[in-house]
Amino acid sequence: MREPLLHFWAQTLLFFGRNARALRVMQEVVRENPTRHEAWSVIGFLHAQSGELSQAIPAFEKALALQPDDAALAFNAAFVLQRSGDHERAMTLMQRAITLDPKLDRAWYGLGLSLAHVGRHEEAVGKFREAVRLQPLNPYAGYYLAAMLDKLGRRDEVRAQYERIKAFDPKISALMRQEFGIKDPDA
C-alpha cells in the first residue's frame, strides 16, 4: 500500500509551498485510504486557502465524521462555513468545538462573530467575554466585544475594553477611538 508514502510526500510538498501538487497527492491518499482524517483535513485547508470554500466544507465534514471528538476539526469546519456565510451551521460546529474543548478561545471568538453577524448581540457579548478571558492579549476579541457593547449602549464597558487594549495594542485602540468615538487626551 502506497498511502503512507504518499502522505509523507504530500507533507513534504506542503513544507516547500507546493500546495497544488500536495492537494493532488492528498486526494490520492484518500482514494487509497478514505478513513485518513488528517488527509481530509489537509484537503479542506488547501481548498479553503485557495478560496474554494464549496470544496473545503465537505472535506472538513468528512474529516470530522471520521474524528468526531476533535475540537480543532470542528472549529476548522465551522470557520470555513462562517467564511462561506453559513452562520447557523457554523454556530452549531463552534458550539461543538467548545463542548469538546472549553478552553479553545478561537471557537468562543468564532461563535461570537457568527452570533454578531445574525444580530444576536447580547449572546455575542458572552462569547467574546469568554474569548477575552481565555486569551486576554487577543485585541480582536476585545474589539468585537466592545463593538457589541457599543450596539447595546453600554458605553462604560466599551471604554473599559478600550483601556485594556490600549495597554498592549496601539493599532486596535486607535481603531476603537475612531469607531466608537472614544475621547482619550493621552492618545
Protein backbone atom coordinates (compact mmCIF):
# COMPACT_ATOMS: atom_id res chain seq x y z
CA MET A 1 0.00 0.00 0.00
CA ARG A 2 1.46 3.36 -1.07
CA GLU A 3 -0.73 5.51 1.14
CA PRO A 4 1.78 6.20 3.99
CA LEU A 5 4.47 7.17 1.48
CA LEU A 6 2.03 9.38 -0.42
CA HIS A 7 1.03 11.08 2.82
CA PHE A 8 4.66 11.77 3.64
CA TRP A 9 5.25 13.10 0.11
CA ALA A 10 2.25 15.43 0.38
CA GLN A 11 3.51 16.77 3.72
CA THR A 12 6.91 17.41 2.12
CA LEU A 13 5.27 19.25 -0.76
CA LEU A 14 3.35 21.38 1.74
CA PHE A 15 6.56 22.23 3.54
CA PHE A 16 8.01 23.58 0.31
CA GLY A 17 4.85 25.50 -0.59
CA ARG A 18 3.80 23.24 -3.45
CA ASN A 19 0.18 23.32 -2.39
CA ALA A 20 -1.49 22.46 -5.69
CA ARG A 21 0.65 19.34 -6.07
CA ALA A 22 0.16 18.47 -2.37
CA LEU A 23 -3.61 18.67 -2.89
CA ARG A 24 -3.44 16.18 -5.76
CA VAL A 25 -1.31 13.81 -3.69
CA MET A 26 -3.65 14.09 -0.66
CA GLN A 27 -6.59 13.31 -2.93
CA GLU A 28 -4.71 10.18 -3.97
CA VAL A 29 -4.14 9.36 -0.29
CA VAL A 30 -7.89 9.43 0.45
CA ARG A 31 -8.62 7.37 -2.64
CA GLU A 32 -6.37 4.67 -1.17
CA ASN A 33 -7.49 5.20 2.42
CA PRO A 34 -10.76 7.13 2.71
CA THR A 35 -10.60 6.87 6.53
CA ARG A 36 -7.47 9.04 6.87
CA HIS A 37 -8.98 12.05 8.63
CA GLU A 38 -5.70 14.04 8.59
CA ALA A 39 -5.64 13.88 4.79
CA TRP A 40 -9.26 15.07 4.55
CA SER A 41 -8.37 17.94 6.87
CA VAL A 42 -5.39 18.96 4.74
CA ILE A 43 -7.57 18.79 1.63
CA GLY A 44 -10.04 21.10 3.39
CA PHE A 45 -7.29 23.55 4.34
CA LEU A 46 -5.85 23.62 0.84
CA HIS A 47 -9.23 24.25 -0.74
CA ALA A 48 -10.02 26.95 1.84
CA GLN A 49 -6.64 28.57 1.31
CA SER A 50 -7.29 28.86 -2.40
CA GLY A 51 -10.79 30.25 -1.81
CA GLU A 52 -12.61 27.08 -2.88
CA LEU A 53 -14.93 27.04 0.13
CA SER A 54 -17.56 24.85 -1.50
CA GLN A 55 -14.91 22.14 -1.83
CA ALA A 56 -13.34 22.77 1.56
CA ILE A 57 -16.57 22.27 3.52
CA PRO A 58 -17.21 18.63 2.50
CA ALA A 59 -13.55 17.75 3.10
CA PHE A 60 -13.68 19.12 6.64
CA GLU A 61 -17.05 17.46 7.23
CA LYS A 62 -15.56 14.13 6.11
CA ALA A 63 -12.59 14.61 8.46
CA LEU A 64 -14.95 15.47 11.32
CA ALA A 65 -17.16 12.46 10.60
CA LEU A 66 -14.06 10.28 10.91
CA GLN A 67 -12.80 12.05 14.05
CA PRO A 68 -15.95 13.40 15.76
CA ASP A 69 -14.25 14.23 19.07
CA ASP A 70 -11.64 16.55 17.57
CA ALA A 71 -12.36 20.13 18.69
CA ALA A 72 -9.87 21.61 16.22
CA LEU A 73 -11.57 19.85 13.30
CA ALA A 74 -14.97 21.09 14.45
CA PHE A 75 -13.56 24.61 14.65
CA ASN A 76 -11.94 24.36 11.20
CA ALA A 77 -15.17 23.18 9.59
CA ALA A 78 -17.08 25.94 11.39
CA PHE A 79 -14.57 28.56 10.30
CA VAL A 80 -15.00 27.64 6.63
CA LEU A 81 -18.78 27.58 6.98
CA GLN A 82 -18.59 31.01 8.60
CA ARG A 83 -16.47 32.36 5.74
CA SER A 84 -18.99 30.99 3.26
CA GLY A 85 -21.81 32.82 5.07
CA ASP A 86 -23.48 29.78 6.64
CA HIS A 87 -23.57 31.18 10.18
CA GLU A 88 -26.23 28.82 11.51
CA ARG A 89 -24.20 25.69 10.70
CA ALA A 90 -21.02 27.48 11.78
CA MET A 91 -22.55 28.24 15.19
CA THR A 92 -23.51 24.60 15.67
CA LEU A 93 -19.96 23.45 14.96
CA MET A 94 -18.37 26.24 17.03
CA GLN A 95 -20.53 25.13 19.95
CA ARG A 96 -19.46 21.54 19.33
CA ALA A 97 -15.80 22.62 19.40
CA ILE A 98 -16.41 24.45 22.69
CA THR A 99 -18.13 21.41 24.19
CA LEU A 100 -15.15 19.26 23.20
CA ASP A 101 -12.58 21.82 24.40
CA PRO A 102 -13.96 24.64 26.56
CA LYS A 103 -10.56 26.36 26.52
CA LEU A 104 -10.49 26.77 22.73
CA ASP A 105 -10.56 30.57 22.67
CA ARG A 106 -10.82 30.83 18.89
CA ALA A 107 -14.07 28.83 18.98
CA TRP A 108 -15.58 31.25 21.52
CA TYR A 109 -14.43 34.14 19.32
CA GLY A 110 -15.81 32.49 16.18
CA LEU A 111 -19.13 31.77 17.85
CA GLY A 112 -19.29 35.42 18.91
CA LEU A 113 -18.65 36.54 15.33
CA SER A 114 -21.45 34.40 13.92
CA LEU A 115 -23.87 35.48 16.66
CA ALA A 116 -22.99 39.11 15.93
CA HIS A 117 -23.47 38.56 12.21
CA VAL A 118 -27.02 37.27 12.73
CA GLY A 119 -27.86 40.11 15.13
CA ARG A 120 -27.74 38.22 18.42
CA HIS A 121 -25.59 40.88 20.07
CA GLU A 122 -26.30 40.12 23.74
CA GLU A 123 -25.35 36.46 23.24
CA ALA A 124 -22.24 37.50 21.32
CA VAL A 125 -21.11 39.61 24.30
CA GLY A 126 -20.86 36.49 26.47
CA LYS A 127 -18.90 34.57 23.85
CA PHE A 128 -16.46 37.44 23.28
CA ARG A 129 -16.05 37.85 27.05
CA GLU A 130 -15.04 34.21 27.32
CA ALA A 131 -12.62 34.54 24.38
CA VAL A 132 -11.04 37.56 26.12
CA ARG A 133 -10.87 35.68 29.42
CA LEU A 134 -9.13 32.73 27.77
CA GLN A 135 -6.80 34.88 25.64
CA PRO A 136 -6.54 38.38 27.19
CA LEU A 137 -3.97 39.55 24.64
CA ASN A 138 -6.24 38.93 21.66
CA PRO A 139 -7.13 42.51 20.69
CA TYR A 140 -9.71 41.36 18.12
CA ALA A 141 -11.86 39.58 20.70
CA GLY A 142 -11.74 42.74 22.82
CA TYR A 143 -12.55 44.92 19.82
CA TYR A 144 -15.61 42.86 18.87
CA LEU A 145 -16.68 42.67 22.50
CA ALA A 146 -16.57 46.48 22.54
CA ALA A 147 -18.49 46.62 19.26
CA MET A 148 -21.30 44.50 20.69
CA LEU A 149 -21.34 46.53 23.90
CA ASP A 150 -21.50 49.71 21.82
CA LYS A 151 -24.51 48.36 19.90
CA LEU A 152 -26.17 47.66 23.25
CA GLY A 153 -25.41 51.20 24.51
CA ARG A 154 -23.07 50.06 27.27
CA ARG A 155 -20.51 52.86 26.84
CA ASP A 156 -18.72 52.38 30.18
CA GLU A 157 -17.92 48.79 29.26
CA VAL A 158 -16.74 49.89 25.80
CA ARG A 159 -14.38 52.32 27.49
CA ALA A 160 -13.09 49.57 29.80
CA GLN A 161 -12.26 47.37 26.80
CA TYR A 162 -10.53 50.31 25.14
CA GLU A 163 -8.39 50.95 28.23
CA ARG A 164 -7.45 47.28 28.44
CA ILE A 165 -6.49 47.03 24.77
CA LYS A 166 -4.70 50.39 24.79
CA ALA A 167 -2.16 48.86 27.17
CA PHE A 168 -0.89 46.41 24.54
CA ASP A 169 -2.19 47.18 21.03
CA PRO A 170 -1.97 50.78 19.76
CA LYS A 171 -3.41 49.98 16.30
CA ILE A 172 -6.60 48.38 17.57
CA SER A 173 -7.03 51.01 20.28
CA ALA A 174 -6.71 53.75 17.62
CA LEU A 175 -9.38 51.96 15.57
CA MET A 176 -11.58 51.78 18.66
CA ARG A 177 -11.21 55.53 19.28
CA GLN A 178 -12.30 56.19 15.72
CA GLU A 179 -15.08 53.57 15.50
CA PHE A 180 -16.63 54.16 18.92
CA GLY A 181 -15.94 57.89 19.32
CA ILE A 182 -13.73 57.41 22.36
CA LYS A 183 -12.04 60.55 23.61
CA ASP A 184 -8.59 59.99 25.06
CA PRO A 185 -6.38 63.00 25.81
CA ASP A 186 -3.41 60.64 26.35
CA ALA A 187 -3.60 59.17 22.83
